[in-house]
Amino acid sequence: MAAETLPEPWLRGTLTEVAPVGRAVLHALQLADEDVQKWCSPLTDKELNLRPHGLPSVAFHLRHIARSLHRLLTYAEGEQLSDAQFAALRAEVVDDATHKNLFAEWIASIEATSRRVRILARQSPDLARTVGRKALPTTVGGLLVHIADHTQRHVGQAVTTAKLIVAMRT
């Protein structure tokens, strides 16, 4: 008999103590982590850095998610990006990831993001915020929703690339 499959995180009845927007973001992060662990974690160092057919590597997507989460949360917290965050942004495309370092960064990012989202979820989603040097207008809620959809978009790309890499093994 096959193992029972859990429903997606948003259907598990968890995190009811968190306001709805924050809860949705946390559930999206949980699903992202489950998908990354299932599909990307089995890849080797070399496979994580492969760019099949010119696609961005799995390592790029995971780094980009982790570092984007930090940047987007910085804006949600009403701050501007640091020089270190800009340097990390420029280094996302470097194809030198090791499984150990990449997944350590991934896990640390998901954990830190979850803590920060829980705090932000206590604030009004209508609080005004700005993004970037041009100070583009948004809100705390807008940034939290973008964190969820941006993460899911890149996880989908990472998973598709991982599946392609596995298919290329044979």
C-alpha atoms as a PDB file:
ATOM      1  CA  MET A   1       0.000   0.000   0.000  1.00  0.00           C
ATOM      2  CA  ALA A   2       1.366   3.431  -0.946  1.00  0.00           C
ATOM      3  CA  ALA A   3       2.217   5.957   1.731  1.00  0.00           C
ATOM      4  CA  GLU A   4      -0.511   8.512   2.342  1.00  0.00           C
ATOM      5  CA  THR A   5       0.226  11.862   0.740  1.00  0.00           C
ATOM      6  CA  LEU A   6      -0.266  14.907   2.912  1.00  0.00           C
ATOM      7  CA  PRO A   7      -2.412  17.690   1.546  1.00  0.00           C
ATOM      8  CA  GLU A   8      -0.630  20.914   0.640  1.00  0.00           C
ATOM      9  CA  PRO A   9       0.317  23.028   3.673  1.00  0.00           C
ATOM     10  CA  TRP A  10      -2.560  25.487   3.250  1.00  0.00           C
ATOM     11  CA  LEU A  11      -4.999  22.558   3.595  1.00  0.00           C
ATOM     12  CA  ARG A  12      -3.500  21.140   6.789  1.00  0.00           C
ATOM     13  CA  GLY A  13      -5.257  23.498   9.205  1.00  0.00           C
ATOM     14  CA  THR A  14      -1.978  24.790  10.616  1.00  0.00           C
ATOM     15  CA  LEU A  15      -0.680  28.218  11.612  1.00  0.00           C
ATOM     16  CA  THR A  16      -4.144  29.417  12.647  1.00  0.00           C
ATOM     17  CA  GLU A  17      -2.522  31.792  15.146  1.00  0.00           C
ATOM     18  CA  VAL A  18      -1.016  33.829  12.264  1.00  0.00           C
ATOM     19  CA  ALA A  19      -3.055  36.490  10.447  1.00  0.00           C
ATOM     20  CA  PRO A  20      -4.352  35.267   7.052  1.00  0.00           C
ATOM     21  CA  VAL A  21      -1.876  37.049   4.760  1.00  0.00           C
ATOM     22  CA  GLY A  22       1.107  35.938   6.846  1.00  0.00           C
ATOM     23  CA  ARG A  23      -0.325  32.429   7.129  1.00  0.00           C
ATOM     24  CA  ALA A  24      -0.630  32.168   3.344  1.00  0.00           C
ATOM     25  CA  VAL A  25       2.987  33.270   2.936  1.00  0.00           C
ATOM     26  CA  LEU A  26       4.189  30.765   5.533  1.00  0.00           C
ATOM     27  CA  HIS A  27       2.242  27.986   3.835  1.00  0.00           C
ATOM     28  CA  ALA A  28       3.746  28.964   0.457  1.00  0.00           C
ATOM     29  CA  LEU A  29       7.234  28.838   1.984  1.00  0.00           C
ATOM     30  CA  GLN A  30       6.526  25.441   3.512  1.00  0.00           C
ATOM     31  CA  LEU A  31       5.339  24.076   0.173  1.00  0.00           C
ATOM     32  CA  ALA A  32       8.372  25.599  -1.560  1.00  0.00           C
ATOM     33  CA  ASP A  33      10.703  23.910   0.922  1.00  0.00           C
ATOM     34  CA  GLU A  34       8.956  20.548   0.540  1.00  0.00           C
ATOM     35  CA  ASP A  35       9.217  20.740  -3.255  1.00  0.00           C
ATOM     36  CA  VAL A  36      12.868  21.823  -3.180  1.00  0.00           C
ATOM     37  CA  GLN A  37      13.781  19.038  -0.764  1.00  0.00           C
ATOM     38  CA  LYS A  38      11.938  16.426  -2.848  1.00  0.00           C
ATOM     39  CA  TRP A  39      13.131  17.418  -6.316  1.00  0.00           C
ATOM     40  CA  CYS A  40      16.350  19.414  -5.955  1.00  0.00           C
ATOM     41  CA  SER A  41      18.046  17.960  -2.887  1.00  0.00           C
ATOM     42  CA  PRO A  42      18.923  14.639  -4.614  1.00  0.00           C
ATOM     43  CA  LEU A  43      21.046  16.459  -7.234  1.00  0.00           C
ATOM     44  CA  THR A  44      24.845  16.371  -7.095  1.00  0.00           C
ATOM     45  CA  ASP A  45      27.042  19.475  -6.892  1.00  0.00           C
ATOM     46  CA  LYS A  46      27.651  19.281 -10.633  1.00  0.00           C
ATOM     47  CA  GLU A  47      23.960  18.823 -11.430  1.00  0.00           C
ATOM     48  CA  LEU A  48      22.955  21.773  -9.223  1.00  0.00           C
ATOM     49  CA  ASN A  49      25.164  24.018 -11.369  1.00  0.00           C
ATOM     50  CA  LEU A  50      24.170  22.612 -14.781  1.00  0.00           C
ATOM     51  CA  ARG A  51      22.460  24.930 -17.256  1.00  0.00           C
ATOM     52  CA  PRO A  52      20.671  22.456 -19.560  1.00  0.00           C
ATOM     53  CA  HIS A  53      19.736  24.038 -22.881  1.00  0.00           C
ATOM     54  CA  GLY A  54      20.920  27.396 -21.509  1.00  0.00           C
ATOM     55  CA  LEU A  55      18.357  27.450 -18.680  1.00  0.00           C
ATOM     56  CA  PRO A  56      19.347  29.025 -15.361  1.00  0.00           C
ATOM     57  CA  SER A  57      20.764  26.435 -12.979  1.00  0.00           C
ATOM     58  CA  VAL A  58      18.904  24.995 -10.010  1.00  0.00           C
ATOM     59  CA  ALA A  59      21.585  26.614  -7.840  1.00  0.00           C
ATOM     60  CA  PHE A  60      20.778  30.018  -9.343  1.00  0.00           C
ATOM     61  CA  HIS A  61      17.072  29.668  -8.556  1.00  0.00           C
ATOM     62  CA  LEU A  62      17.660  28.547  -4.966  1.00  0.00           C
ATOM     63  CA  ARG A  63      20.185  31.325  -4.318  1.00  0.00           C
ATOM     64  CA  HIS A  64      17.922  33.862  -5.991  1.00  0.00           C
ATOM     65  CA  ILE A  65      14.955  32.837  -3.845  1.00  0.00           C
ATOM     66  CA  ALA A  66      16.969  32.885  -0.615  1.00  0.00           C
ATOM     67  CA  ARG A  67      18.520  36.264  -1.295  1.00  0.00           C
ATOM     68  CA  SER A  68      15.349  37.795  -2.736  1.00  0.00           C
ATOM     69  CA  LEU A  69      13.479  36.807   0.401  1.00  0.00           C
ATOM     70  CA  HIS A  70      16.002  38.769   2.450  1.00  0.00           C
ATOM     71  CA  ARG A  71      15.748  41.782   0.133  1.00  0.00           C
ATOM     72  CA  LEU A  72      11.950  41.798  -0.021  1.00  0.00           C
ATOM     73  CA  LEU A  73      11.655  41.458   3.745  1.00  0.00           C
ATOM     74  CA  THR A  74      14.079  44.344   4.184  1.00  0.00           C
ATOM     75  CA  TYR A  75      11.682  46.520   2.182  1.00  0.00           C
ATOM     76  CA  ALA A  76       8.666  45.153   4.091  1.00  0.00           C
ATOM     77  CA  GLU A  77      10.400  46.144   7.327  1.00  0.00           C
ATOM     78  CA  GLY A  78      10.725  49.687   5.995  1.00  0.00           C
ATOM     79  CA  GLU A  79      14.481  49.558   5.343  1.00  0.00           C
ATOM     80  CA  GLN A  80      16.688  49.947   2.283  1.00  0.00           C
ATOM     81  CA  LEU A  81      19.126  47.360   0.948  1.00  0.00           C
ATOM     82  CA  SER A  82      22.683  47.217   2.219  1.00  0.00           C
ATOM     83  CA  ASP A  83      25.856  47.035   0.139  1.00  0.00           C
ATOM     84  CA  ALA A  84      26.175  43.398   1.244  1.00  0.00           C
ATOM     85  CA  GLN A  85      22.716  42.618  -0.166  1.00  0.00           C
ATOM     86  CA  PHE A  86      23.662  44.203  -3.504  1.00  0.00           C
ATOM     87  CA  ALA A  87      26.883  42.152  -3.562  1.00  0.00           C
ATOM     88  CA  ALA A  88      24.905  38.967  -2.822  1.00  0.00           C
ATOM     89  CA  LEU A  89      22.526  39.847  -5.673  1.00  0.00           C
ATOM     90  CA  ARG A  90      25.411  40.096  -8.146  1.00  0.00           C
ATOM     91  CA  ALA A  91      26.789  36.721  -6.976  1.00  0.00           C
ATOM     92  CA  GLU A  92      23.564  34.766  -7.558  1.00  0.00           C
ATOM     93  CA  VAL A  93      24.605  33.694 -11.061  1.00  0.00           C
ATOM     94  CA  VAL A  94      27.987  32.208 -10.090  1.00  0.00           C
ATOM     95  CA  ASP A  95      27.979  28.493 -10.932  1.00  0.00           C
ATOM     96  CA  ASP A  96      30.104  27.241  -8.031  1.00  0.00           C
ATOM     97  CA  ALA A  97      27.485  25.971  -5.582  1.00  0.00           C
ATOM     98  CA  THR A  98      28.096  22.936  -3.445  1.00  0.00           C
ATOM     99  CA  HIS A  99      25.159  20.933  -2.186  1.00  0.00           C
ATOM    100  CA  LYS A 100      26.194  21.583   1.403  1.00  0.00           C
ATOM    101  CA  ASN A 101      26.528  25.365   1.079  1.00  0.00           C
ATOM    102  CA  LEU A 102      23.513  25.828  -1.179  1.00  0.00           C
ATOM    103  CA  PHE A 103      21.143  23.901   1.068  1.00  0.00           C
ATOM    104  CA  ALA A 104      22.565  25.502   4.217  1.00  0.00           C
ATOM    105  CA  GLU A 105      21.751  28.908   2.702  1.00  0.00           C
ATOM    106  CA  TRP A 106      18.319  27.670   1.571  1.00  0.00           C
ATOM    107  CA  ILE A 107      17.351  26.281   4.987  1.00  0.00           C
ATOM    108  CA  ALA A 108      18.673  29.320   6.868  1.00  0.00           C
ATOM    109  CA  SER A 109      16.730  31.594   4.528  1.00  0.00           C
ATOM    110  CA  ILE A 110      13.436  29.714   4.917  1.00  0.00           C
ATOM    111  CA  GLU A 111      13.816  29.694   8.719  1.00  0.00           C
ATOM    112  CA  ALA A 112      14.738  33.396   8.949  1.00  0.00           C
ATOM    113  CA  THR A 113      11.980  34.350   6.518  1.00  0.00           C
ATOM    114  CA  SER A 114       9.403  32.436   8.544  1.00  0.00           C
ATOM    115  CA  ARG A 115      10.409  34.290  11.714  1.00  0.00           C
ATOM    116  CA  ARG A 116      10.318  37.666   9.983  1.00  0.00           C
ATOM    117  CA  VAL A 117       6.964  36.978   8.270  1.00  0.00           C
ATOM    118  CA  ARG A 118       5.399  36.073  11.623  1.00  0.00           C
ATOM    119  CA  ILE A 119       6.439  39.481  12.944  1.00  0.00           C
ATOM    120  CA  LEU A 120       5.277  41.362   9.841  1.00  0.00           C
ATOM    121  CA  ALA A 121       1.947  39.509   9.884  1.00  0.00           C
ATOM    122  CA  ARG A 122       1.100  41.359  13.117  1.00  0.00           C
ATOM    123  CA  GLN A 123       1.185  44.672  11.257  1.00  0.00           C
ATOM    124  CA  SER A 124      -1.531  46.100   9.042  1.00  0.00           C
ATOM    125  CA  PRO A 125      -1.095  44.828   5.483  1.00  0.00           C
ATOM    126  CA  ASP A 126      -2.015  48.359   4.362  1.00  0.00           C
ATOM    127  CA  LEU A 127       1.136  49.949   5.815  1.00  0.00           C
ATOM    128  CA  ALA A 128       2.871  51.871   3.053  1.00  0.00           C
ATOM    129  CA  ARG A 129       6.311  50.747   1.923  1.00  0.00           C
ATOM    130  CA  THR A 130       8.635  51.557  -0.967  1.00  0.00           C
ATOM    131  CA  VAL A 131      10.881  49.359  -3.074  1.00  0.00           C
ATOM    132  CA  GLY A 132      14.236  50.201  -4.595  1.00  0.00           C
ATOM    133  CA  ARG A 133      16.120  53.359  -5.334  1.00  0.00           C
ATOM    134  CA  LYS A 134      13.112  54.716  -7.211  1.00  0.00           C
ATOM    135  CA  ALA A 135      10.990  54.206  -4.066  1.00  0.00           C
ATOM    136  CA  LEU A 136       8.220  52.425  -5.980  1.00  0.00           C
ATOM    137  CA  PRO A 137       5.046  52.342  -3.861  1.00  0.00           C
ATOM    138  CA  THR A 138       3.628  49.197  -2.284  1.00  0.00           C
ATOM    139  CA  THR A 139       2.449  47.948   1.102  1.00  0.00           C
ATOM    140  CA  VAL A 140       3.499  45.377   3.688  1.00  0.00           C
ATOM    141  CA  GLY A 141       0.737  43.124   2.347  1.00  0.00           C
ATOM    142  CA  GLY A 142       1.879  43.662  -1.232  1.00  0.00           C
ATOM    143  CA  LEU A 143       5.413  42.656  -0.332  1.00  0.00           C
ATOM    144  CA  LEU A 144       4.252  39.606   1.623  1.00  0.00           C
ATOM    145  CA  VAL A 145       2.112  38.400  -1.289  1.00  0.00           C
ATOM    146  CA  HIS A 146       5.001  38.990  -3.687  1.00  0.00           C
ATOM    147  CA  ILE A 147       7.285  36.946  -1.416  1.00  0.00           C
ATOM    148  CA  ALA A 148       4.907  34.002  -1.805  1.00  0.00           C
ATOM    149  CA  ASP A 149       4.348  34.274  -5.553  1.00  0.00           C
ATOM    150  CA  HIS A 150       7.985  35.050  -6.424  1.00  0.00           C
ATOM    151  CA  THR A 151       9.159  32.086  -4.351  1.00  0.00           C
ATOM    152  CA  GLN A 152       6.668  29.715  -5.946  1.00  0.00           C
ATOM    153  CA  ARG A 153       7.552  30.911  -9.459  1.00  0.00           C
ATOM    154  CA  HIS A 154      11.246  30.209  -8.990  1.00  0.00           C
ATOM    155  CA  VAL A 155      10.659  26.919  -7.183  1.00  0.00           C
ATOM    156  CA  GLY A 156       8.629  25.783 -10.189  1.00  0.00           C
ATOM    157  CA  GLN A 157      11.514  26.665 -12.477  1.00  0.00           C
ATOM    158  CA  ALA A 158      14.050  24.927 -10.210  1.00  0.00           C
ATOM    159  CA  VAL A 159      11.915  21.782 -10.008  1.00  0.00           C
ATOM    160  CA  THR A 160      11.401  21.692 -13.786  1.00  0.00           C
ATOM    161  CA  THR A 161      15.145  22.096 -14.345  1.00  0.00           C
ATOM    162  CA  ALA A 162      15.877  19.387 -11.758  1.00  0.00           C
ATOM    163  CA  LYS A 163      13.475  17.007 -13.506  1.00  0.00           C
ATOM    164  CA  LEU A 164      15.155  17.750 -16.849  1.00  0.00           C
ATOM    165  CA  ILE A 165      18.578  17.036 -15.339  1.00  0.00           C
ATOM    166  CA  VAL A 166      17.385  13.725 -13.894  1.00  0.00           C
ATOM    167  CA  ALA A 167      15.890  12.759 -17.286  1.00  0.00           C
ATOM    168  CA  MET A 168      19.244  13.534 -18.925  1.00  0.00           C
ATOM    169  CA  ARG A 169      20.974  10.953 -16.694  1.00  0.00           C
ATOM    170  CA  THR A 170      19.548   8.079 -18.724  1.00  0.00           C
END
